[in-house]
Amino acid sequence: MPSITERLDLLKETIQRTDFLKGEGLSNEVNIRMFCYESKEEMAVRAFTERLSSENLSCKVEIVDLYEAFLEVCKREDILDDIPDMEQEDGKEYLEEQLNNIIDAKVMAEFIIENFDETKDLLMITGVGKAFPFIRVHALLNALQEDFNNKPIVVLYPGTFDGHYVKLFNKLKSNEYYRAFNMI
C-alpha cells in the first residue's frame, strides 16, 4: 500500500484534473469524494492541507476545517464563551445535546455554503475528527448535497468508508452514507 505522502501527492494531482472537477464518470451522482486515512496520519494530512493552501495549483481549493467552522458558528450564535461553564456545571453529555440542538448539520451546511467563495473550484473538508462528536460528517454531507451540487467536495476522513458506511477512527459505530466515492 502506498504511504500517506504518496497518497496525498496523488490526491493533489487528482483534484487538479478537469475530469475530476467536472465529475465525469460519476453517472450524474453528486461529486463527493472521501479520502480516508488512519488517524495516526493526522499530522501529515494537516501539513498537506497547509501546504496545499499556499501552492499554485491549476484549480482553486476552498479548505474548510470543520472544527474551526464549528467554533465560528458558536461565536455567531454567541455561545462560545458559555461552553466551558456549561460542561463543568451540567456535564459533557448535556453539553453535547445542547450544542446538537443549536448547531446541527443543516446549520453547519448553511454556514459552509454562505462562506464558500464561488470562484473556488472545489470544497475540501478537514478537521472531521476534531469536530467529533459535535458534527457528524455523514449528516453534514446529507445537508450539503441539497444545496451544494455544482462543485466537488473532498472530505479528508480519519477512518474508513466502504461505499455504504463511514466509520470514524475505524473504531466508532458506522454511520450510513452512500452518496460519496472513495478516492485513492
Protein backbone atom coordinates (compact mmCIF):
# COMPACT_ATOMS: atom_id res chain seq x y z
CA MET A 1 0.00 0.00 0.00
CA PRO A 2 1.34 3.46 -0.84
CA SER A 3 2.48 5.71 2.02
CA ILE A 4 0.32 8.61 3.19
CA THR A 5 2.72 11.03 1.47
CA GLU A 6 2.35 9.19 -1.84
CA ARG A 7 -1.44 9.10 -1.46
CA LEU A 8 -1.59 12.83 -0.65
CA ASP A 9 0.58 13.61 -3.68
CA LEU A 10 -1.81 11.61 -5.82
CA LEU A 11 -4.75 13.46 -4.23
CA LYS A 12 -3.14 16.78 -5.19
CA GLU A 13 -2.73 15.59 -8.77
CA THR A 14 -6.28 14.23 -8.94
CA ILE A 15 -8.07 17.36 -7.70
CA GLN A 16 -6.42 19.39 -10.46
CA ARG A 17 -7.71 17.19 -13.28
CA THR A 18 -10.53 18.60 -15.38
CA ASP A 19 -12.44 15.31 -15.42
CA PHE A 20 -12.39 15.23 -11.61
CA LEU A 21 -13.56 18.84 -11.28
CA LYS A 22 -16.41 18.21 -13.72
CA GLY A 23 -17.41 14.97 -12.01
CA GLU A 24 -17.02 12.96 -15.18
CA GLY A 25 -17.56 9.24 -14.83
CA LEU A 26 -19.92 9.52 -11.86
CA SER A 27 -23.13 8.77 -13.77
CA ASN A 28 -24.73 12.05 -12.65
CA GLU A 29 -24.10 11.25 -8.98
CA VAL A 30 -23.04 14.03 -6.62
CA ASN A 31 -19.32 14.72 -6.76
CA ILE A 32 -18.46 13.91 -3.15
CA ARG A 33 -15.23 12.02 -2.53
CA MET A 34 -13.78 10.55 0.63
CA PHE A 35 -10.03 10.47 1.17
CA CYS A 36 -9.70 8.05 4.07
CA TYR A 37 -6.61 7.70 6.20
CA GLU A 38 -5.50 6.27 9.53
CA SER A 39 -5.89 8.67 12.45
CA LYS A 40 -2.18 8.24 13.24
CA GLU A 41 -1.53 10.03 9.90
CA GLU A 42 -3.42 13.17 11.00
CA MET A 43 -0.33 15.38 11.30
CA ALA A 44 0.77 14.51 7.76
CA VAL A 45 -2.72 15.37 6.47
CA ARG A 46 -2.72 18.69 8.34
CA ALA A 47 0.72 19.57 6.94
CA PHE A 48 -0.56 18.67 3.47
CA THR A 49 -3.58 20.99 3.72
CA GLU A 50 -1.38 23.83 4.99
CA ARG A 51 0.95 23.40 2.01
CA LEU A 52 -1.95 22.99 -0.38
CA SER A 53 -3.49 26.30 0.63
CA SER A 54 -0.32 28.16 -0.35
CA GLU A 55 0.62 26.24 -3.51
CA ASN A 56 -0.01 27.46 -7.02
CA LEU A 57 -2.42 24.83 -8.33
CA SER A 58 -4.34 24.69 -11.59
CA CYS A 59 -7.56 24.73 -9.53
CA LYS A 60 -8.70 26.85 -6.62
CA VAL A 61 -9.40 24.93 -3.42
CA GLU A 62 -11.57 26.16 -0.56
CA ILE A 63 -10.36 24.35 2.57
CA VAL A 64 -12.80 24.26 5.48
CA ASP A 65 -11.63 22.94 8.82
CA LEU A 66 -14.87 21.58 10.26
CA TYR A 67 -13.82 22.25 13.84
CA GLU A 68 -12.83 25.85 13.11
CA ALA A 69 -16.12 26.35 11.25
CA PHE A 70 -17.98 24.90 14.26
CA LEU A 71 -16.25 27.39 16.55
CA GLU A 72 -17.20 30.23 14.20
CA VAL A 73 -20.84 29.17 14.32
CA CYS A 74 -20.62 29.04 18.13
CA LYS A 75 -19.30 32.61 18.08
CA ARG A 76 -22.05 33.70 15.70
CA GLU A 77 -24.66 32.11 18.00
CA ASP A 78 -22.98 33.89 20.94
CA ILE A 79 -22.50 30.65 22.89
CA LEU A 80 -18.76 30.03 22.63
CA ASP A 81 -17.88 31.63 25.96
CA ASP A 82 -20.64 29.70 27.75
CA ILE A 83 -19.46 26.25 26.67
CA PRO A 84 -16.80 25.61 29.38
CA ASP A 85 -19.18 26.59 32.20
CA MET A 86 -22.00 24.55 30.70
CA GLU A 87 -19.78 21.47 30.51
CA GLN A 88 -18.47 21.92 34.04
CA GLU A 89 -21.91 22.56 35.56
CA ASP A 90 -24.06 20.13 33.58
CA GLY A 91 -21.66 17.57 32.14
CA LYS A 92 -20.34 16.53 28.76
CA GLU A 93 -23.49 14.67 27.65
CA TYR A 94 -25.73 17.67 28.41
CA LEU A 95 -23.35 19.99 26.57
CA GLU A 96 -23.31 17.74 23.52
CA GLU A 97 -27.12 17.56 23.50
CA GLN A 98 -27.48 21.34 23.77
CA LEU A 99 -24.92 22.01 21.05
CA ASN A 100 -26.60 19.49 18.76
CA ASN A 101 -29.92 21.29 19.30
CA ILE A 102 -28.39 24.66 18.37
CA ILE A 103 -25.84 23.68 15.73
CA ASP A 104 -26.97 20.72 13.68
CA ALA A 105 -25.73 19.54 10.30
CA LYS A 106 -28.13 21.86 8.46
CA VAL A 107 -26.79 24.91 10.32
CA MET A 108 -23.22 23.85 9.55
CA ALA A 109 -24.05 23.25 5.89
CA GLU A 110 -25.64 26.69 5.63
CA PHE A 111 -22.57 28.27 7.22
CA ILE A 112 -20.23 26.48 4.80
CA ILE A 113 -22.35 27.43 1.79
CA GLU A 114 -22.65 31.07 2.91
CA ASN A 115 -18.89 31.35 3.28
CA PHE A 116 -17.90 29.39 0.18
CA ASP A 117 -16.02 31.51 -2.32
CA GLU A 118 -17.78 30.81 -5.63
CA THR A 119 -14.55 31.49 -7.52
CA LYS A 120 -13.14 28.28 -6.00
CA ASP A 121 -13.30 25.04 -7.94
CA LEU A 122 -13.81 22.62 -5.06
CA LEU A 123 -14.52 22.34 -1.36
CA MET A 124 -12.14 20.33 0.80
CA ILE A 125 -13.36 19.48 4.30
CA THR A 126 -10.78 18.78 7.01
CA GLY A 127 -10.96 18.61 10.81
CA VAL A 128 -13.59 15.85 10.84
CA GLY A 129 -12.03 14.11 13.83
CA LYS A 130 -11.56 17.36 15.73
CA ALA A 131 -15.23 18.28 15.28
CA PHE A 132 -16.49 14.94 16.59
CA PRO A 133 -18.92 14.42 18.35
CA PHE A 134 -20.47 17.82 17.63
CA ILE A 135 -20.58 17.46 13.86
CA ARG A 136 -21.03 14.11 12.11
CA VAL A 137 -19.74 14.09 8.56
CA HIS A 138 -22.45 11.80 7.16
CA ALA A 139 -25.15 14.20 8.38
CA LEU A 140 -23.22 17.22 7.11
CA LEU A 141 -22.80 15.69 3.65
CA ASN A 142 -26.51 14.90 3.50
CA ALA A 143 -27.26 18.54 4.31
CA LEU A 144 -24.65 19.89 1.90
CA GLN A 145 -25.71 17.80 -1.09
CA GLU A 146 -29.13 19.50 -1.13
CA ASP A 147 -27.69 22.95 -1.93
CA PHE A 148 -24.08 22.36 -2.90
CA ASN A 149 -24.02 20.27 -6.00
CA ASN A 150 -22.19 22.36 -8.55
CA LYS A 151 -18.68 21.87 -7.13
CA PRO A 152 -16.85 18.76 -5.99
CA ILE A 153 -16.46 18.07 -2.29
CA VAL A 154 -13.45 16.19 -0.94
CA VAL A 155 -13.58 15.03 2.68
CA LEU A 156 -10.29 14.19 4.39
CA TYR A 157 -11.61 11.47 6.67
CA PRO A 158 -9.72 9.82 9.55
CA GLY A 159 -11.39 6.45 9.26
CA THR A 160 -12.90 4.21 6.61
CA PHE A 161 -15.63 4.42 4.02
CA ASP A 162 -16.76 1.22 2.34
CA GLY A 163 -19.16 2.80 -0.13
CA HIS A 164 -22.10 2.47 2.25
CA TYR A 165 -20.85 3.33 5.74
CA VAL A 166 -18.38 5.76 7.26
CA LYS A 167 -16.53 4.65 10.38
CA LEU A 168 -14.67 7.43 12.17
CA PHE A 169 -11.25 6.46 13.55
CA ASN A 170 -12.01 2.90 12.44
CA LYS A 171 -13.41 2.36 15.92
CA LEU A 172 -16.73 4.14 16.32
CA LYS A 173 -20.12 2.89 15.23
CA SER A 174 -20.55 3.04 11.46
CA ASN A 175 -22.97 5.60 10.03
CA GLU A 176 -24.74 5.07 6.74
CA TYR A 177 -23.72 7.31 3.87
CA TYR A 178 -23.79 6.04 0.33
CA ARG A 179 -23.59 9.12 -1.91
CA ALA A 180 -19.80 9.52 -1.84
CA PHE A 181 -16.99 7.77 -3.64
CA ASN A 182 -13.65 6.68 -2.25
CA MET A 183 -10.58 8.28 -3.70
CA ILE A 184 -7.04 7.00 -3.73
